[in-house]
């Protein structure tokens, strides 16, 4: 786990899942010139895998766990990527 983001604006895992799914989208990722494959596990997780990176958001009872793996070319940007993910999620949960 890279970080855990507690719920603030939502009360349940289901609400958080729906809110985050509306902002972490293929269209958002396209802005960063990456084209990941997304997979969704209803109310439990959102995962994306692309060339050189992989992330998963796990929805728990009290917050979202962020798991991030970056390839060698992206490792230097890990903190920036985590900060960006955190900002997007905090806007809605």
PDB file of N, CA and C in Angstrom:
ATOM      1  N   UNK A   1       0.851  -1.182   0.000  1.00  0.00           N
ATOM      2  CA  UNK A   1       0.000   0.000   0.000  1.00  0.00           C
ATOM      3  C   UNK A   1       0.888   1.235   0.000  1.00  0.00           C
ATOM      4  N   UNK A   2       0.592   2.143  -0.899  1.00  0.00           N
ATOM      5  CA  UNK A   2       1.352   3.399  -0.979  1.00  0.00           C
ATOM      6  C   UNK A   2       0.762   4.458  -0.056  1.00  0.00           C
ATOM      7  N   UNK A   3      -0.572   4.512   0.011  1.00  0.00           N
ATOM      8  CA  UNK A   3      -1.236   5.484   0.873  1.00  0.00           C
ATOM      9  C   UNK A   3      -2.669   5.045   1.122  1.00  0.00           C
ATOM     10  N   UNK A   4      -3.250   5.605   2.175  1.00  0.00           N
ATOM     11  CA  UNK A   4      -4.659   5.367   2.469  1.00  0.00           C
ATOM     12  C   UNK A   4      -5.327   6.727   2.608  1.00  0.00           C
ATOM     13  N   UNK A   5      -6.440   6.891   1.906  1.00  0.00           N
ATOM     14  CA  UNK A   5      -7.175   8.152   1.923  1.00  0.00           C
ATOM     15  C   UNK A   5      -8.498   7.914   2.640  1.00  0.00           C
ATOM     16  N   UNK A   6      -8.721   8.561   3.785  1.00  0.00           N
ATOM     17  CA  UNK A   6      -9.964   8.342   4.536  1.00  0.00           C
ATOM     18  C   UNK A   6     -11.158   9.028   3.863  1.00  0.00           C
ATOM     19  N   UNK A   7     -12.329   8.472   4.098  1.00  0.00           N
ATOM     20  CA  UNK A   7     -13.558   9.088   3.582  1.00  0.00           C
ATOM     21  C   UNK A   7     -13.880  10.338   4.385  1.00  0.00           C
ATOM     22  N   UNK A   8     -14.367  11.351   3.694  1.00  0.00           N
ATOM     23  CA  UNK A   8     -14.775  12.581   4.358  1.00  0.00           C
ATOM     24  C   UNK A   8     -16.142  13.037   3.879  1.00  0.00           C
ATOM     25  N   UNK A   9     -16.337  13.023   2.564  1.00  0.00           N
ATOM     26  CA  UNK A   9     -17.583  13.502   1.970  1.00  0.00           C
ATOM     27  C   UNK A   9     -18.587  12.384   1.742  1.00  0.00           C
ATOM     28  N   UNK A  10     -18.145  11.151   1.817  1.00  0.00           N
ATOM     29  CA  UNK A  10     -19.034  10.005   1.624  1.00  0.00           C
ATOM     30  C   UNK A  10     -19.027   9.161   2.890  1.00  0.00           C
ATOM     31  N   UNK A  11     -20.074   8.350   3.047  1.00  0.00           N
ATOM     32  CA  UNK A  11     -20.205   7.569   4.270  1.00  0.00           C
ATOM     33  C   UNK A  11     -19.917   6.084   4.080  1.00  0.00           C
ATOM     34  N   UNK A  12     -20.060   5.604   2.854  1.00  0.00           N
ATOM     35  CA  UNK A  12     -19.916   4.166   2.643  1.00  0.00           C
ATOM     36  C   UNK A  12     -18.926   3.853   1.529  1.00  0.00           C
ATOM     37  N   UNK A  13     -18.491   2.622   1.519  1.00  0.00           N
ATOM     38  CA  UNK A  13     -17.589   2.140   0.466  1.00  0.00           C
ATOM     39  C   UNK A  13     -18.267   2.250  -0.898  1.00  0.00           C
ATOM     40  N   UNK A  14     -19.552   1.942  -0.962  1.00  0.00           N
ATOM     41  CA  UNK A  14     -20.282   1.985  -2.223  1.00  0.00           C
ATOM     42  C   UNK A  14     -20.333   3.410  -2.791  1.00  0.00           C
ATOM     43  N   UNK A  15     -20.617   4.389  -1.915  1.00  0.00           N
ATOM     44  CA  UNK A  15     -20.644   5.791  -2.351  1.00  0.00           C
ATOM     45  C   UNK A  15     -19.264   6.228  -2.837  1.00  0.00           C
ATOM     46  N   UNK A  16     -18.246   5.824  -2.117  1.00  0.00           N
ATOM     47  CA  UNK A  16     -16.880   6.193  -2.498  1.00  0.00           C
ATOM     48  C   UNK A  16     -16.519   5.588  -3.851  1.00  0.00           C
ATOM     49  N   UNK A  17     -16.860   4.330  -4.055  1.00  0.00           N
ATOM     50  CA  UNK A  17     -16.568   3.651  -5.316  1.00  0.00           C
ATOM     51  C   UNK A  17     -17.199   4.394  -6.488  1.00  0.00           C
ATOM     52  N   UNK A  18     -18.467   4.727  -6.367  1.00  0.00           N
ATOM     53  CA  UNK A  18     -19.162   5.427  -7.453  1.00  0.00           C
ATOM     54  C   UNK A  18     -18.556   6.802  -7.699  1.00  0.00           C
ATOM     55  N   UNK A  19     -18.231   7.516  -6.635  1.00  0.00           N
ATOM     56  CA  UNK A  19     -17.653   8.854  -6.771  1.00  0.00           C
ATOM     57  C   UNK A  19     -16.286   8.798  -7.445  1.00  0.00           C
ATOM     58  N   UNK A  20     -15.439   7.891  -7.017  1.00  0.00           N
ATOM     59  CA  UNK A  20     -14.097   7.787  -7.579  1.00  0.00           C
ATOM     60  C   UNK A  20     -14.149   7.274  -9.014  1.00  0.00           C
ATOM     61  N   UNK A  21     -15.044   6.348  -9.280  1.00  0.00           N
ATOM     62  CA  UNK A  21     -15.160   5.814 -10.648  1.00  0.00           C
ATOM     63  C   UNK A  21     -15.544   6.925 -11.629  1.00  0.00           C
ATOM     64  N   UNK A  22     -16.242   7.937 -11.153  1.00  0.00           N
ATOM     65  CA  UNK A  22     -16.638   9.038 -12.032  1.00  0.00           C
ATOM     66  C   UNK A  22     -15.484   9.982 -12.362  1.00  0.00           C
ATOM     67  N   UNK A  23     -14.392   9.966 -11.561  1.00  0.00           N
ATOM     68  CA  UNK A  23     -13.272  10.873 -11.836  1.00  0.00           C
ATOM     69  C   UNK A  23     -12.009  10.183 -12.335  1.00  0.00           C
ATOM     70  N   UNK A  24     -11.772   8.955 -11.934  1.00  0.00           N
ATOM     71  CA  UNK A  24     -10.604   8.200 -12.409  1.00  0.00           C
ATOM     72  C   UNK A  24     -11.065   7.405 -13.622  1.00  0.00           C
ATOM     73  N   UNK A  25     -10.916   7.998 -14.785  1.00  0.00           N
ATOM     74  CA  UNK A  25     -11.478   7.446 -16.016  1.00  0.00           C
ATOM     75  C   UNK A  25     -10.407   7.304 -17.095  1.00  0.00           C
ATOM     76  N   UNK A  26     -10.705   6.530 -18.122  1.00  0.00           N
ATOM     77  CA  UNK A  26      -9.777   6.461 -19.252  1.00  0.00           C
ATOM     78  C   UNK A  26      -9.518   7.831 -19.879  1.00  0.00           C
ATOM     79  N   UNK A  27     -10.521   8.698 -19.870  1.00  0.00           N
ATOM     80  CA  UNK A  27     -10.360  10.045 -20.425  1.00  0.00           C
ATOM     81  C   UNK A  27      -9.354  10.863 -19.613  1.00  0.00           C
ATOM     82  N   UNK A  28      -9.399  10.718 -18.298  1.00  0.00           N
ATOM     83  CA  UNK A  28      -8.428  11.405 -17.444  1.00  0.00           C
ATOM     84  C   UNK A  28      -7.019  10.910 -17.746  1.00  0.00           C
ATOM     85  N   UNK A  29      -6.866   9.613 -17.861  1.00  0.00           N
ATOM     86  CA  UNK A  29      -5.549   9.036 -18.129  1.00  0.00           C
ATOM     87  C   UNK A  29      -5.027   9.447 -19.503  1.00  0.00           C
ATOM     88  N   UNK A  30      -5.915   9.650 -20.454  1.00  0.00           N
ATOM     89  CA  UNK A  30      -5.504  10.065 -21.794  1.00  0.00           C
ATOM     90  C   UNK A  30      -4.828  11.432 -21.763  1.00  0.00           C
ATOM     91  N   UNK A  31      -5.188  12.274 -20.803  1.00  0.00           N
ATOM     92  CA  UNK A  31      -4.545  13.581 -20.670  1.00  0.00           C
ATOM     93  C   UNK A  31      -3.049  13.445 -20.378  1.00  0.00           C
ATOM     94  N   UNK A  32      -2.674  12.330 -19.775  1.00  0.00           N
ATOM     95  CA  UNK A  32      -1.276  12.082 -19.440  1.00  0.00           C
ATOM     96  C   UNK A  32      -0.591  11.219 -20.493  1.00  0.00           C
ATOM     97  N   UNK A  33      -1.271  11.063 -21.624  1.00  0.00           N
ATOM     98  CA  UNK A  33      -0.745  10.316 -22.766  1.00  0.00           C
ATOM     99  C   UNK A  33      -0.419   8.857 -22.426  1.00  0.00           C
ATOM    100  N   UNK A  34      -1.269   8.278 -21.583  1.00  0.00           N
ATOM    101  CA  UNK A  34      -1.190   6.848 -21.302  1.00  0.00           C
ATOM    102  C   UNK A  34      -2.546   6.244 -21.632  1.00  0.00           C
ATOM    103  N   UNK A  35      -2.531   5.014 -22.040  1.00  0.00           N
ATOM    104  CA  UNK A  35      -3.767   4.355 -22.439  1.00  0.00           C
ATOM    105  C   UNK A  35      -3.888   3.027 -21.684  1.00  0.00           C
ATOM    106  N   UNK A  36      -4.229   3.092 -20.390  1.00  0.00           N
ATOM    107  CA  UNK A  36      -4.278   1.859 -19.617  1.00  0.00           C
ATOM    108  C   UNK A  36      -5.549   1.060 -19.863  1.00  0.00           C
ATOM    109  N   UNK A  37      -5.476  -0.204 -19.512  1.00  0.00           N
ATOM    110  CA  UNK A  37      -6.655  -1.053 -19.492  1.00  0.00           C
ATOM    111  C   UNK A  37      -7.215  -0.999 -18.077  1.00  0.00           C
ATOM    112  N   UNK A  38      -8.482  -0.653 -17.958  1.00  0.00           N
ATOM    113  CA  UNK A  38      -9.135  -0.570 -16.661  1.00  0.00           C
ATOM    114  C   UNK A  38      -9.890  -1.854 -16.368  1.00  0.00           C
ATOM    115  N   UNK A  39      -9.934  -2.203 -15.096  1.00  0.00           N
ATOM    116  CA  UNK A  39     -10.795  -3.301 -14.655  1.00  0.00           C
ATOM    117  C   UNK A  39     -11.490  -2.848 -13.378  1.00  0.00           C
ATOM    118  N   UNK A  40     -12.734  -3.257 -13.252  1.00  0.00           N
ATOM    119  CA  UNK A  40     -13.565  -2.819 -12.132  1.00  0.00           C
ATOM    120  C   UNK A  40     -14.129  -4.029 -11.402  1.00  0.00           C
ATOM    121  N   UNK A  41     -14.068  -3.976 -10.081  1.00  0.00           N
ATOM    122  CA  UNK A  41     -14.701  -4.972  -9.238  1.00  0.00           C
ATOM    123  C   UNK A  41     -15.720  -4.202  -8.409  1.00  0.00           C
ATOM    124  N   UNK A  42     -16.969  -4.352  -8.747  1.00  0.00           N
ATOM    125  CA  UNK A  42     -18.062  -3.533  -8.190  1.00  0.00           C
ATOM    126  C   UNK A  42     -17.930  -3.297  -6.689  1.00  0.00           C
ATOM    127  N   UNK A  43     -17.834  -2.028  -6.315  1.00  0.00           N
ATOM    128  CA  UNK A  43     -17.762  -1.549  -4.935  1.00  0.00           C
ATOM    129  C   UNK A  43     -16.540  -2.035  -4.172  1.00  0.00           C
ATOM    130  N   UNK A  44     -15.581  -2.656  -4.857  1.00  0.00           N
ATOM    131  CA  UNK A  44     -14.405  -3.155  -4.159  1.00  0.00           C
ATOM    132  C   UNK A  44     -13.098  -2.565  -4.664  1.00  0.00           C
ATOM    133  N   UNK A  45     -12.918  -2.467  -5.991  1.00  0.00           N
ATOM    134  CA  UNK A  45     -11.645  -1.951  -6.483  1.00  0.00           C
ATOM    135  C   UNK A  45     -11.748  -1.437  -7.914  1.00  0.00           C
ATOM    136  N   UNK A  46     -10.810  -0.569  -8.235  1.00  0.00           N
ATOM    137  CA  UNK A  46     -10.605  -0.076  -9.597  1.00  0.00           C
ATOM    138  C   UNK A  46      -9.120  -0.265  -9.869  1.00  0.00           C
ATOM    139  N   UNK A  47      -8.805  -0.893 -10.990  1.00  0.00           N
ATOM    140  CA  UNK A  47      -7.408  -1.126 -11.337  1.00  0.00           C
ATOM    141  C   UNK A  47      -7.155  -0.650 -12.760  1.00  0.00           C
ATOM    142  N   UNK A  48      -5.929  -0.228 -13.000  1.00  0.00           N
ATOM    143  CA  UNK A  48      -5.523   0.182 -14.345  1.00  0.00           C
ATOM    144  C   UNK A  48      -4.095  -0.290 -14.573  1.00  0.00           C
ATOM    145  N   UNK A  49      -3.871  -0.783 -15.773  1.00  0.00           N
ATOM    146  CA  UNK A  49      -2.538  -1.266 -16.120  1.00  0.00           C
ATOM    147  C   UNK A  49      -2.194  -0.739 -17.500  1.00  0.00           C
ATOM    148  N   UNK A  50      -1.034  -0.122 -17.580  1.00  0.00           N
ATOM    149  CA  UNK A  50      -0.556   0.405 -18.848  1.00  0.00           C
ATOM    150  C   UNK A  50       0.926   0.132 -18.978  1.00  0.00           C
ATOM    151  N   UNK A  51       1.491   0.627 -20.052  1.00  0.00           N
ATOM    152  CA  UNK A  51       2.913   0.402 -20.276  1.00  0.00           C
ATOM    153  C   UNK A  51       3.728   1.151 -19.221  1.00  0.00           C
ATOM    154  N   UNK A  52       4.375   0.420 -18.347  1.00  0.00           N
ATOM    155  CA  UNK A  52       5.237   1.026 -17.346  1.00  0.00           C
ATOM    156  C   UNK A  52       4.582   1.399 -16.034  1.00  0.00           C
ATOM    157  N   UNK A  53       3.306   1.087 -15.867  1.00  0.00           N
ATOM    158  CA  UNK A  53       2.682   1.374 -14.580  1.00  0.00           C
ATOM    159  C   UNK A  53       1.470   0.475 -14.345  1.00  0.00           C
ATOM    160  N   UNK A  54       1.123   0.397 -13.086  1.00  0.00           N
ATOM    161  CA  UNK A  54      -0.040  -0.363 -12.661  1.00  0.00           C
ATOM    162  C   UNK A  54      -0.526   0.248 -11.356  1.00  0.00           C
ATOM    163  N   UNK A  55      -1.823   0.480 -11.243  1.00  0.00           N
ATOM    164  CA  UNK A  55      -2.329   0.933  -9.953  1.00  0.00           C
ATOM    165  C   UNK A  55      -3.650   0.269  -9.637  1.00  0.00           C
ATOM    166  N   UNK A  56      -3.944   0.234  -8.340  1.00  0.00           N
ATOM    167  CA  UNK A  56      -5.201  -0.325  -7.873  1.00  0.00           C
ATOM    168  C   UNK A  56      -5.704   0.513  -6.716  1.00  0.00           C
ATOM    169  N   UNK A  57      -6.983   0.790  -6.735  1.00  0.00           N
ATOM    170  CA  UNK A  57      -7.649   1.486  -5.646  1.00  0.00           C
ATOM    171  C   UNK A  57      -8.569   0.471  -4.981  1.00  0.00           C
ATOM    172  N   UNK A  58      -8.334   0.203  -3.692  1.00  0.00           N
ATOM    173  CA  UNK A  58      -9.150  -0.750  -2.949  1.00  0.00           C
ATOM    174  C   UNK A  58     -10.038   0.024  -1.984  1.00  0.00           C
ATOM    175  N   UNK A  59     -11.332  -0.219  -2.089  1.00  0.00           N
ATOM    176  CA  UNK A  59     -12.304   0.496  -1.270  1.00  0.00           C
ATOM    177  C   UNK A  59     -12.602  -0.301  -0.010  1.00  0.00           C
ATOM    178  N   UNK A  60     -12.253   0.280   1.133  1.00  0.00           N
ATOM    179  CA  UNK A  60     -12.456  -0.351   2.434  1.00  0.00           C
ATOM    180  C   UNK A  60     -13.606   0.343   3.145  1.00  0.00           C
ATOM    181  N   UNK A  61     -13.924  -0.103   4.339  1.00  0.00           N
ATOM    182  CA  UNK A  61     -15.024   0.499   5.097  1.00  0.00           C
ATOM    183  C   UNK A  61     -14.735   1.941   5.513  1.00  0.00           C
ATOM    184  N   UNK A  62     -13.450   2.290   5.678  1.00  0.00           N
ATOM    185  CA  UNK A  62     -13.103   3.612   6.203  1.00  0.00           C
ATOM    186  C   UNK A  62     -12.228   4.455   5.282  1.00  0.00           C
ATOM    187  N   UNK A  63     -11.890   3.950   4.108  1.00  0.00           N
ATOM    188  CA  UNK A  63     -11.047   4.717   3.214  1.00  0.00           C
ATOM    189  C   UNK A  63     -10.643   3.924   1.982  1.00  0.00           C
ATOM    190  N   UNK A  64      -9.835   4.563   1.149  1.00  0.00           N
ATOM    191  CA  UNK A  64      -9.354   3.955  -0.088  1.00  0.00           C
ATOM    192  C   UNK A  64      -7.856   3.711   0.044  1.00  0.00           C
ATOM    193  N   UNK A  65      -7.440   2.490  -0.241  1.00  0.00           N
ATOM    194  CA  UNK A  65      -6.024   2.178  -0.299  1.00  0.00           C
ATOM    195  C   UNK A  65      -5.556   2.360  -1.735  1.00  0.00           C
ATOM    196  N   UNK A  66      -4.423   3.031  -1.894  1.00  0.00           N
ATOM    197  CA  UNK A  66      -3.840   3.250  -3.211  1.00  0.00           C
ATOM    198  C   UNK A  66      -2.579   2.392  -3.328  1.00  0.00           C
ATOM    199  N   UNK A  67      -2.556   1.542  -4.338  1.00  0.00           N
ATOM    200  CA  UNK A  67      -1.392   0.702  -4.629  1.00  0.00           C
ATOM    201  C   UNK A  67      -0.868   1.129  -5.996  1.00  0.00           C
ATOM    202  N   UNK A  68       0.418   1.409  -6.087  1.00  0.00           N
ATOM    203  CA  UNK A  68       0.997   1.912  -7.326  1.00  0.00           C
ATOM    204  C   UNK A  68       2.331   1.251  -7.600  1.00  0.00           C
ATOM    205  N   UNK A  69       2.494   0.757  -8.807  1.00  0.00           N
ATOM    206  CA  UNK A  69       3.774   0.213  -9.250  1.00  0.00           C
ATOM    207  C   UNK A  69       4.152   0.938 -10.533  1.00  0.00           C
ATOM    208  N   UNK A  70       5.385   1.429 -10.567  1.00  0.00           N
ATOM    209  CA  UNK A  70       5.863   2.148 -11.739  1.00  0.00           C
ATOM    210  C   UNK A  70       7.106   1.464 -12.295  1.00  0.00           C
ATOM    211  N   UNK A  71       7.200   1.475 -13.607  1.00  0.00           N
ATOM    212  CA  UNK A  71       8.392   0.950 -14.265  1.00  0.00           C
ATOM    213  C   UNK A  71       9.550   1.906 -14.099  1.00  0.00           C
ATOM    214  N   UNK A  72      10.681   1.486 -14.546  1.00  0.00           N
ATOM    215  CA  UNK A  72      11.911   2.249 -14.381  1.00  0.00           C
ATOM    216  C   UNK A  72      11.802   3.679 -14.914  1.00  0.00           C
ATOM    217  N   UNK A  73      11.165   3.863 -16.068  1.00  0.00           N
ATOM    218  CA  UNK A  73      11.068   5.199 -16.656  1.00  0.00           C
ATOM    219  C   UNK A  73      10.210   6.160 -15.837  1.00  0.00           C
ATOM    220  N   UNK A  74       9.268   5.627 -15.055  1.00  0.00           N
ATOM    221  CA  UNK A  74       8.339   6.479 -14.303  1.00  0.00           C
ATOM    222  C   UNK A  74       8.668   6.606 -12.823  1.00  0.00           C
ATOM    223  N   UNK A  75       9.617   5.827 -12.328  1.00  0.00           N
ATOM    224  CA  UNK A  75       9.901   5.814 -10.886  1.00  0.00           C
ATOM    225  C   UNK A  75      10.210   7.203 -10.327  1.00  0.00           C
ATOM    226  N   UNK A  76      10.878   8.038 -11.082  1.00  0.00           N
ATOM    227  CA  UNK A  76      11.227   9.377 -10.605  1.00  0.00           C
ATOM    228  C   UNK A  76       9.990  10.249 -10.368  1.00  0.00           C
ATOM    229  N   UNK A  77       8.865   9.873 -10.976  1.00  0.00           N
ATOM    230  CA  UNK A  77       7.646  10.670 -10.862  1.00  0.00           C
ATOM    231  C   UNK A  77       6.635  10.076  -9.885  1.00  0.00           C
ATOM    232  N   UNK A  78       7.055   9.093  -9.105  1.00  0.00           N
ATOM    233  CA  UNK A  78       6.117   8.378  -8.236  1.00  0.00           C
ATOM    234  C   UNK A  78       5.372   9.311  -7.293  1.00  0.00           C
ATOM    235  N   UNK A  79       6.067  10.206  -6.619  1.00  0.00           N
ATOM    236  CA  UNK A  79       5.394  11.092  -5.675  1.00  0.00           C
ATOM    237  C   UNK A  79       4.421  12.029  -6.384  1.00  0.00           C
ATOM    238  N   UNK A  80       4.780  12.506  -7.558  1.00  0.00           N
ATOM    239  CA  UNK A  80       3.878  13.364  -8.321  1.00  0.00           C
ATOM    240  C   UNK A  80       2.620  12.607  -8.728  1.00  0.00           C
ATOM    241  N   UNK A  81       2.782  11.372  -9.144  1.00  0.00           N
ATOM    242  CA  UNK A  81       1.635  10.557  -9.541  1.00  0.00           C
ATOM    243  C   UNK A  81       0.729  10.310  -8.337  1.00  0.00           C
ATOM    244  N   UNK A  82       1.308   9.946  -7.202  1.00  0.00           N
ATOM    245  CA  UNK A  82       0.518   9.717  -5.995  1.00  0.00           C
ATOM    246  C   UNK A  82      -0.215  10.980  -5.562  1.00  0.00           C
ATOM    247  N   UNK A  83       0.449  12.108  -5.637  1.00  0.00           N
ATOM    248  CA  UNK A  83      -0.182  13.378  -5.274  1.00  0.00           C
ATOM    249  C   UNK A  83      -1.362  13.681  -6.196  1.00  0.00           C
ATOM    250  N   UNK A  84      -1.191  13.428  -7.490  1.00  0.00           N
ATOM    251  CA  UNK A  84      -2.272  13.642  -8.452  1.00  0.00           C
ATOM    252  C   UNK A  84      -3.460  12.748  -8.191  1.00  0.00           C
ATOM    253  N   UNK A  85      -3.202  11.480  -7.907  1.00  0.00           N
ATOM    254  CA  UNK A  85      -4.284  10.542  -7.595  1.00  0.00           C
ATOM    255  C   UNK A  85      -4.999  10.988  -6.323  1.00  0.00           C
ATOM    256  N   UNK A  86      -4.234  11.356  -5.315  1.00  0.00           N
ATOM    257  CA  UNK A  86      -4.814  11.790  -4.054  1.00  0.00           C
ATOM    258  C   UNK A  86      -5.704  13.019  -4.237  1.00  0.00           C
ATOM    259  N   UNK A  87      -5.270  13.996  -5.012  1.00  0.00           N
ATOM    260  CA  UNK A  87      -6.061  15.198  -5.265  1.00  0.00           C
ATOM    261  C   UNK A  87      -7.389  14.855  -5.937  1.00  0.00           C
ATOM    262  N   UNK A  88      -7.340  14.005  -6.947  1.00  0.00           N
ATOM    263  CA  UNK A  88      -8.565  13.627  -7.665  1.00  0.00           C
ATOM    264  C   UNK A  88      -9.540  12.908  -6.736  1.00  0.00           C
ATOM    265  N   UNK A  89      -9.028  12.016  -5.912  1.00  0.00           N
ATOM    266  CA  UNK A  89      -9.895  11.256  -5.005  1.00  0.00           C
ATOM    267  C   UNK A  89     -10.447  12.140  -3.900  1.00  0.00           C
ATOM    268  N   UNK A  90      -9.619  13.003  -3.346  1.00  0.00           N
ATOM    269  CA  UNK A  90     -10.078  13.883  -2.253  1.00  0.00           C
ATOM    270  C   UNK A  90     -11.180  14.844  -2.703  1.00  0.00           C
ATOM    271  N   UNK A  91     -11.233  15.162  -3.968  1.00  0.00           N
ATOM    272  CA  UNK A  91     -12.283  16.048  -4.488  1.00  0.00           C
ATOM    273  C   UNK A  91     -13.665  15.442  -4.302  1.00  0.00           C
ATOM    274  N   UNK A  92     -13.748  14.116  -4.334  1.00  0.00           N
ATOM    275  CA  UNK A  92     -15.059  13.473  -4.355  1.00  0.00           C
ATOM    276  C   UNK A  92     -15.388  12.605  -3.144  1.00  0.00           C
ATOM    277  N   UNK A  93     -14.369  12.216  -2.355  1.00  0.00           N
ATOM    278  CA  UNK A  93     -14.712  11.385  -1.194  1.00  0.00           C
ATOM    279  C   UNK A  93     -14.436  12.118   0.100  1.00  0.00           C
TER     280      UNK A  93
END
